[in-house]
Amino acid sequence: MKTNKIALTLATATLALVASTFAAMAVPAVAKSQVNVRTGPSTSYNRVDALHRGENVEVTECNAGWCYIQHNGPDGWVSGNYLQSPNNYNQNNNNGSINFGLTFGSGGPNVTITFGNNNTPPQAPRVRGPRVCFYEKTNYRGQSYCVAAGEEDNRLRGFWNNNISSIKVYLGARVHVCENSNNTGACYGYGSNIARLPGSINNRITAYRTWR
């Protein structure tokens, strides 16, 4: 019985230490584009707010590609693919999504929040329901990235900018893709799968918006 109590006490103390460490480790980030803020780490959770492009936030936790942010408005979860470091944003250079890690060593718990690089495709969480999936290669091959209907990005950066060759749409979703930021230049709309994008837009997509 005494052993169990000691183990429980140690576990409680460890959790408290981890919680306090997480609370103290707020990392600044900037929204790359408009993105919804949700009550949980998935598009299935309710929308409580939206970040505008260039908005500064504090990241306190990340889970499965989603990050909990604090800002001047309702706090909540956003996709880490829409966040980047302030330095990279100021340089107009997207270095990918945020990664959040916790490791234990001889010196105690260590929290790290890092940003990916341009050559690494962002790892999006699994999306269900009406959605659009972008593929690196024709015939739905290579790396893929899915977004829920209603999501948009007016200026793709990093891996996916000018690197989309085929698209799948699910459950009545629709997508509008353009070669230039802010949905300008050559644009195409799709309400069904397209295994090979036409040459004028293949590997030239810089912006998209989706709806149902």
C-alpha atoms as a PDB file:
ATOM      1  CA  MET A   1       0.000   0.000   0.000  1.00  0.00           C
ATOM      2  CA  LYS A   2       2.818   2.402   0.922  1.00  0.00           C
ATOM      3  CA  THR A   3       4.569   1.654  -2.392  1.00  0.00           C
ATOM      4  CA  ASN A   4       1.395   2.468  -4.331  1.00  0.00           C
ATOM      5  CA  LYS A   5       1.018   5.755  -2.437  1.00  0.00           C
ATOM      6  CA  ILE A   6       4.624   6.702  -3.201  1.00  0.00           C
ATOM      7  CA  ALA A   7       4.159   5.852  -6.889  1.00  0.00           C
ATOM      8  CA  LEU A   8       0.947   7.881  -7.020  1.00  0.00           C
ATOM      9  CA  THR A   9       2.658  10.826  -5.325  1.00  0.00           C
ATOM     10  CA  LEU A  10       5.567  10.704  -7.775  1.00  0.00           C
ATOM     11  CA  ALA A  11       3.213  10.464 -10.748  1.00  0.00           C
ATOM     12  CA  THR A  12       1.180  13.419  -9.510  1.00  0.00           C
ATOM     13  CA  ALA A  13       4.314  15.479  -8.964  1.00  0.00           C
ATOM     14  CA  THR A  14       5.583  14.615 -12.442  1.00  0.00           C
ATOM     15  CA  LEU A  15       2.294  15.624 -14.065  1.00  0.00           C
ATOM     16  CA  ALA A  16       2.302  18.881 -12.150  1.00  0.00           C
ATOM     17  CA  LEU A  17       5.862  19.597 -13.265  1.00  0.00           C
ATOM     18  CA  VAL A  18       4.997  18.816 -16.881  1.00  0.00           C
ATOM     19  CA  ALA A  19       1.901  21.022 -16.705  1.00  0.00           C
ATOM     20  CA  SER A  20       3.846  23.932 -15.248  1.00  0.00           C
ATOM     21  CA  THR A  21       6.591  23.486 -17.844  1.00  0.00           C
ATOM     22  CA  PHE A  22       4.067  23.466 -20.681  1.00  0.00           C
ATOM     23  CA  ALA A  23       2.375  26.568 -19.275  1.00  0.00           C
ATOM     24  CA  ALA A  24       5.696  28.388 -19.143  1.00  0.00           C
ATOM     25  CA  MET A  25       6.717  27.422 -22.675  1.00  0.00           C
ATOM     26  CA  ALA A  26       4.701  29.771 -24.859  1.00  0.00           C
ATOM     27  CA  VAL A  27       6.365  30.208 -28.237  1.00  0.00           C
ATOM     28  CA  PRO A  28       5.573  33.152 -30.543  1.00  0.00           C
ATOM     29  CA  ALA A  29       4.213  32.368 -33.993  1.00  0.00           C
ATOM     30  CA  VAL A  30       2.494  34.158 -36.867  1.00  0.00           C
ATOM     31  CA  ALA A  31      -0.519  33.061 -38.931  1.00  0.00           C
ATOM     32  CA  LYS A  32       0.566  32.489 -42.546  1.00  0.00           C
ATOM     33  CA  SER A  33      -2.979  33.067 -43.786  1.00  0.00           C
ATOM     34  CA  GLN A  34      -6.523  33.198 -42.497  1.00  0.00           C
ATOM     35  CA  VAL A  35      -7.337  30.089 -40.477  1.00  0.00           C
ATOM     36  CA  ASN A  36     -10.149  29.033 -38.180  1.00  0.00           C
ATOM     37  CA  VAL A  37      -9.646  28.727 -34.418  1.00  0.00           C
ATOM     38  CA  ARG A  38     -11.511  25.712 -33.016  1.00  0.00           C
ATOM     39  CA  THR A  39     -12.431  24.294 -29.633  1.00  0.00           C
ATOM     40  CA  GLY A  40     -10.377  21.136 -30.234  1.00  0.00           C
ATOM     41  CA  PRO A  41      -7.581  19.711 -32.423  1.00  0.00           C
ATOM     42  CA  SER A  42      -9.713  18.734 -35.436  1.00  0.00           C
ATOM     43  CA  THR A  43     -12.026  20.273 -38.015  1.00  0.00           C
ATOM     44  CA  SER A  44     -14.866  18.373 -36.338  1.00  0.00           C
ATOM     45  CA  TYR A  45     -14.728  20.829 -33.420  1.00  0.00           C
ATOM     46  CA  ASN A  46     -16.659  24.094 -33.437  1.00  0.00           C
ATOM     47  CA  ARG A  47     -15.152  27.288 -34.810  1.00  0.00           C
ATOM     48  CA  VAL A  48     -14.762  29.982 -32.137  1.00  0.00           C
ATOM     49  CA  ASP A  49     -12.669  32.561 -33.982  1.00  0.00           C
ATOM     50  CA  ALA A  50     -10.362  33.073 -36.956  1.00  0.00           C
ATOM     51  CA  LEU A  51      -6.796  34.326 -37.266  1.00  0.00           C
ATOM     52  CA  HIS A  52      -5.994  36.817 -39.980  1.00  0.00           C
ATOM     53  CA  ARG A  53      -2.816  36.641 -42.025  1.00  0.00           C
ATOM     54  CA  GLY A  54       0.116  38.105 -40.096  1.00  0.00           C
ATOM     55  CA  GLU A  55      -1.585  37.870 -36.695  1.00  0.00           C
ATOM     56  CA  ASN A  56       0.772  37.194 -33.790  1.00  0.00           C
ATOM     57  CA  VAL A  57      -0.080  34.366 -31.394  1.00  0.00           C
ATOM     58  CA  GLU A  58       1.511  32.332 -28.611  1.00  0.00           C
ATOM     59  CA  VAL A  59       1.715  28.544 -29.053  1.00  0.00           C
ATOM     60  CA  THR A  60       1.480  26.572 -25.800  1.00  0.00           C
ATOM     61  CA  GLU A  61       0.777  23.034 -27.001  1.00  0.00           C
ATOM     62  CA  CYS A  62       0.605  20.952 -30.180  1.00  0.00           C
ATOM     63  CA  ASN A  63      -1.128  17.654 -30.796  1.00  0.00           C
ATOM     64  CA  ALA A  64      -1.285  15.612 -34.033  1.00  0.00           C
ATOM     65  CA  GLY A  65      -0.536  18.615 -36.229  1.00  0.00           C
ATOM     66  CA  TRP A  66      -2.802  21.028 -34.320  1.00  0.00           C
ATOM     67  CA  CYS A  67      -1.595  23.748 -31.973  1.00  0.00           C
ATOM     68  CA  TYR A  68      -3.305  25.514 -29.074  1.00  0.00           C
ATOM     69  CA  ILE A  69      -2.831  29.263 -29.447  1.00  0.00           C
ATOM     70  CA  GLN A  70      -3.418  32.274 -27.264  1.00  0.00           C
ATOM     71  CA  HIS A  71      -4.120  35.642 -28.855  1.00  0.00           C
ATOM     72  CA  ASN A  72      -6.230  38.777 -28.603  1.00  0.00           C
ATOM     73  CA  GLY A  73      -9.500  36.896 -28.890  1.00  0.00           C
ATOM     74  CA  PRO A  74     -10.924  33.480 -28.005  1.00  0.00           C
ATOM     75  CA  ASP A  75      -8.051  31.011 -27.588  1.00  0.00           C
ATOM     76  CA  GLY A  76      -8.230  27.604 -29.219  1.00  0.00           C
ATOM     77  CA  TRP A  77      -6.736  25.138 -31.691  1.00  0.00           C
ATOM     78  CA  VAL A  78      -5.506  25.821 -35.223  1.00  0.00           C
ATOM     79  CA  SER A  79      -3.724  23.659 -37.768  1.00  0.00           C
ATOM     80  CA  GLY A  80       0.038  23.952 -37.295  1.00  0.00           C
ATOM     81  CA  ASN A  81       0.384  24.131 -41.095  1.00  0.00           C
ATOM     82  CA  TYR A  82      -0.916  27.708 -40.919  1.00  0.00           C
ATOM     83  CA  LEU A  83       1.660  28.898 -38.374  1.00  0.00           C
ATOM     84  CA  GLN A  84       5.275  29.915 -38.773  1.00  0.00           C
ATOM     85  CA  SER A  85       8.008  31.638 -36.824  1.00  0.00           C
ATOM     86  CA  PRO A  86       7.907  35.462 -36.724  1.00  0.00           C
ATOM     87  CA  ASN A  87      11.414  35.701 -38.234  1.00  0.00           C
ATOM     88  CA  ASN A  88      10.459  33.568 -41.225  1.00  0.00           C
ATOM     89  CA  TYR A  89       7.246  35.502 -41.710  1.00  0.00           C
ATOM     90  CA  ASN A  90       9.105  38.824 -41.697  1.00  0.00           C
ATOM     91  CA  GLN A  91      11.463  37.427 -44.317  1.00  0.00           C
ATOM     92  CA  ASN A  92       8.478  36.324 -46.424  1.00  0.00           C
ATOM     93  CA  ASN A  93       9.765  32.775 -46.142  1.00  0.00           C
ATOM     94  CA  ASN A  94       7.614  29.845 -45.043  1.00  0.00           C
ATOM     95  CA  ASN A  95       9.475  27.132 -43.158  1.00  0.00           C
ATOM     96  CA  GLY A  96       6.585  24.746 -42.726  1.00  0.00           C
ATOM     97  CA  SER A  97       4.522  23.700 -39.761  1.00  0.00           C
ATOM     98  CA  ILE A  98       5.201  23.745 -36.020  1.00  0.00           C
ATOM     99  CA  ASN A  99       6.346  20.671 -34.135  1.00  0.00           C
ATOM    100  CA  PHE A 100       5.917  20.390 -30.373  1.00  0.00           C
ATOM    101  CA  GLY A 101       7.855  17.859 -28.343  1.00  0.00           C
ATOM    102  CA  LEU A 102       8.391  16.804 -24.738  1.00  0.00           C
ATOM    103  CA  THR A 103      11.351  14.688 -23.673  1.00  0.00           C
ATOM    104  CA  PHE A 104      12.672  13.575 -20.290  1.00  0.00           C
ATOM    105  CA  GLY A 105      16.351  13.542 -19.477  1.00  0.00           C
ATOM    106  CA  SER A 106      18.694  13.753 -16.520  1.00  0.00           C
ATOM    107  CA  GLY A 107      17.953  17.448 -16.231  1.00  0.00           C
ATOM    108  CA  GLY A 108      14.200  16.969 -16.132  1.00  0.00           C
ATOM    109  CA  PRO A 109      11.573  17.516 -18.800  1.00  0.00           C
ATOM    110  CA  ASN A 110      12.552  19.458 -21.914  1.00  0.00           C
ATOM    111  CA  VAL A 111       9.963  21.103 -24.127  1.00  0.00           C
ATOM    112  CA  THR A 112      10.822  21.939 -27.730  1.00  0.00           C
ATOM    113  CA  ILE A 113       8.800  23.726 -30.369  1.00  0.00           C
ATOM    114  CA  THR A 114      10.432  23.777 -33.782  1.00  0.00           C
ATOM    115  CA  PHE A 115       9.530  24.812 -37.307  1.00  0.00           C
ATOM    116  CA  GLY A 116       9.931  22.516 -40.290  1.00  0.00           C
ATOM    117  CA  ASN A 117      11.641  23.388 -43.559  1.00  0.00           C
ATOM    118  CA  ASN A 118      10.540  24.206 -47.072  1.00  0.00           C
ATOM    119  CA  ASN A 119      11.407  20.765 -48.418  1.00  0.00           C
ATOM    120  CA  THR A 120       9.215  18.883 -45.965  1.00  0.00           C
ATOM    121  CA  PRO A 121       5.516  18.553 -46.804  1.00  0.00           C
ATOM    122  CA  PRO A 122       3.283  19.634 -43.902  1.00  0.00           C
ATOM    123  CA  GLN A 123       1.644  16.703 -42.163  1.00  0.00           C
ATOM    124  CA  ALA A 124      -2.052  17.497 -41.934  1.00  0.00           C
ATOM    125  CA  PRO A 125      -4.338  15.709 -39.500  1.00  0.00           C
ATOM    126  CA  ARG A 126      -6.817  13.213 -40.921  1.00  0.00           C
ATOM    127  CA  VAL A 127      -9.864  15.039 -42.238  1.00  0.00           C
ATOM    128  CA  ARG A 128     -13.307  13.445 -42.472  1.00  0.00           C
ATOM    129  CA  GLY A 129     -16.539  14.582 -44.074  1.00  0.00           C
ATOM    130  CA  PRO A 130     -16.666  16.913 -47.109  1.00  0.00           C
ATOM    131  CA  ARG A 131     -13.041  17.611 -47.975  1.00  0.00           C
ATOM    132  CA  VAL A 132     -10.515  18.255 -50.716  1.00  0.00           C
ATOM    133  CA  CYS A 133      -7.194  16.436 -51.016  1.00  0.00           C
ATOM    134  CA  PHE A 134      -4.226  17.772 -52.969  1.00  0.00           C
ATOM    135  CA  TYR A 135      -1.580  15.429 -54.386  1.00  0.00           C
ATOM    136  CA  GLU A 136       2.022  16.052 -55.281  1.00  0.00           C
ATOM    137  CA  LYS A 137       1.852  13.916 -58.442  1.00  0.00           C
ATOM    138  CA  THR A 138      -0.695  13.003 -61.092  1.00  0.00           C
ATOM    139  CA  ASN A 139      -3.156  10.141 -60.540  1.00  0.00           C
ATOM    140  CA  TYR A 140      -3.277  10.887 -56.796  1.00  0.00           C
ATOM    141  CA  ARG A 141       0.289   9.777 -56.100  1.00  0.00           C
ATOM    142  CA  GLY A 142       3.048  11.136 -53.882  1.00  0.00           C
ATOM    143  CA  GLN A 143       2.498  13.271 -50.810  1.00  0.00           C
ATOM    144  CA  SER A 144      -1.075  14.360 -50.076  1.00  0.00           C
ATOM    145  CA  TYR A 145      -2.682  17.099 -48.044  1.00  0.00           C
ATOM    146  CA  CYS A 146      -6.399  17.245 -47.170  1.00  0.00           C
ATOM    147  CA  VAL A 147      -8.503  20.157 -45.938  1.00  0.00           C
ATOM    148  CA  ALA A 148     -12.122  20.304 -44.825  1.00  0.00           C
ATOM    149  CA  ALA A 149     -14.645  22.044 -47.069  1.00  0.00           C
ATOM    150  CA  GLY A 150     -14.691  25.695 -46.037  1.00  0.00           C
ATOM    151  CA  GLU A 151     -10.919  26.020 -45.579  1.00  0.00           C
ATOM    152  CA  GLU A 152      -8.832  28.305 -47.804  1.00  0.00           C
ATOM    153  CA  ASP A 153      -5.306  29.557 -48.251  1.00  0.00           C
ATOM    154  CA  ASN A 154      -4.736  32.729 -50.235  1.00  0.00           C
ATOM    155  CA  ARG A 155      -1.000  32.215 -50.482  1.00  0.00           C
ATOM    156  CA  LEU A 156       0.531  28.758 -50.284  1.00  0.00           C
ATOM    157  CA  ARG A 157       4.164  28.628 -49.289  1.00  0.00           C
ATOM    158  CA  GLY A 158       6.746  25.945 -48.752  1.00  0.00           C
ATOM    159  CA  PHE A 159       6.304  22.440 -50.096  1.00  0.00           C
ATOM    160  CA  TRP A 160       2.811  22.797 -51.553  1.00  0.00           C
ATOM    161  CA  ASN A 161       3.315  26.050 -53.426  1.00  0.00           C
ATOM    162  CA  ASN A 162       3.505  25.205 -57.148  1.00  0.00           C
ATOM    163  CA  ASN A 163       3.640  21.494 -56.307  1.00  0.00           C
ATOM    164  CA  ILE A 164       0.114  20.116 -56.855  1.00  0.00           C
ATOM    165  CA  SER A 165      -0.681  17.859 -59.831  1.00  0.00           C
ATOM    166  CA  SER A 166      -3.973  16.125 -58.961  1.00  0.00           C
ATOM    167  CA  ILE A 167      -6.964  16.702 -56.701  1.00  0.00           C
ATOM    168  CA  LYS A 168      -9.673  14.565 -55.095  1.00  0.00           C
ATOM    169  CA  VAL A 169     -12.943  15.935 -53.746  1.00  0.00           C
ATOM    170  CA  TYR A 170     -15.251  14.110 -51.349  1.00  0.00           C
ATOM    171  CA  LEU A 171     -18.914  14.236 -50.321  1.00  0.00           C
ATOM    172  CA  GLY A 172     -20.027  17.235 -52.329  1.00  0.00           C
ATOM    173  CA  ALA A 173     -17.032  19.459 -51.637  1.00  0.00           C
ATOM    174  CA  ARG A 174     -15.818  21.930 -54.263  1.00  0.00           C
ATOM    175  CA  VAL A 175     -12.494  23.662 -54.808  1.00  0.00           C
ATOM    176  CA  HIS A 176     -11.271  26.755 -56.632  1.00  0.00           C
ATOM    177  CA  VAL A 177      -7.525  26.861 -57.376  1.00  0.00           C
ATOM    178  CA  CYS A 178      -5.455  29.733 -58.794  1.00  0.00           C
ATOM    179  CA  GLU A 179      -1.896  30.189 -60.011  1.00  0.00           C
ATOM    180  CA  ASN A 180      -1.329  33.438 -58.094  1.00  0.00           C
ATOM    181  CA  SER A 181      -1.876  34.542 -54.501  1.00  0.00           C
ATOM    182  CA  ASN A 182      -5.229  36.024 -53.469  1.00  0.00           C
ATOM    183  CA  ASN A 183      -6.988  33.847 -56.064  1.00  0.00           C
ATOM    184  CA  THR A 184      -5.730  35.708 -59.117  1.00  0.00           C
ATOM    185  CA  GLY A 185      -4.247  34.617 -62.435  1.00  0.00           C
ATOM    186  CA  ALA A 186      -5.448  31.444 -64.145  1.00  0.00           C
ATOM    187  CA  CYS A 187      -8.113  29.812 -61.955  1.00  0.00           C
ATOM    188  CA  TYR A 188     -10.058  26.566 -62.199  1.00  0.00           C
ATOM    189  CA  GLY A 189     -12.983  25.150 -60.242  1.00  0.00           C
ATOM    190  CA  TYR A 190     -13.619  21.469 -59.582  1.00  0.00           C
ATOM    191  CA  GLY A 191     -16.492  19.536 -58.073  1.00  0.00           C
ATOM    192  CA  SER A 192     -15.099  16.093 -58.874  1.00  0.00           C
ATOM    193  CA  ASN A 193     -11.749  14.314 -58.952  1.00  0.00           C
ATOM    194  CA  ILE A 194      -9.125  15.526 -61.409  1.00  0.00           C
ATOM    195  CA  ALA A 195      -6.330  12.984 -61.948  1.00  0.00           C
ATOM    196  CA  ARG A 196      -4.165  15.298 -64.045  1.00  0.00           C
ATOM    197  CA  LEU A 197      -4.409  19.054 -63.777  1.00  0.00           C
ATOM    198  CA  PRO A 198      -4.219  20.956 -67.085  1.00  0.00           C
ATOM    199  CA  GLY A 199      -0.817  22.289 -68.046  1.00  0.00           C
ATOM    200  CA  SER A 200      -1.739  25.892 -67.320  1.00  0.00           C
ATOM    201  CA  ILE A 201      -2.297  25.088 -63.620  1.00  0.00           C
ATOM    202  CA  ASN A 202      -0.324  21.853 -63.086  1.00  0.00           C
ATOM    203  CA  ASN A 203       2.378  22.503 -60.463  1.00  0.00           C
ATOM    204  CA  ARG A 204       1.372  26.175 -60.514  1.00  0.00           C
ATOM    205  CA  ILE A 205      -1.236  26.399 -57.740  1.00  0.00           C
ATOM    206  CA  THR A 206      -0.526  29.142 -55.195  1.00  0.00           C
ATOM    207  CA  ALA A 207      -3.993  29.734 -53.708  1.00  0.00           C
ATOM    208  CA  TYR A 208      -7.176  27.777 -53.113  1.00  0.00           C
ATOM    209  CA  ARG A 209     -10.553  28.017 -51.446  1.00  0.00           C
ATOM    210  CA  THR A 210     -12.960  25.192 -50.736  1.00  0.00           C
ATOM    211  CA  TRP A 211     -16.652  25.024 -49.932  1.00  0.00           C
ATOM    212  CA  ARG A 212     -19.604  22.699 -50.051  1.00  0.00           C
END
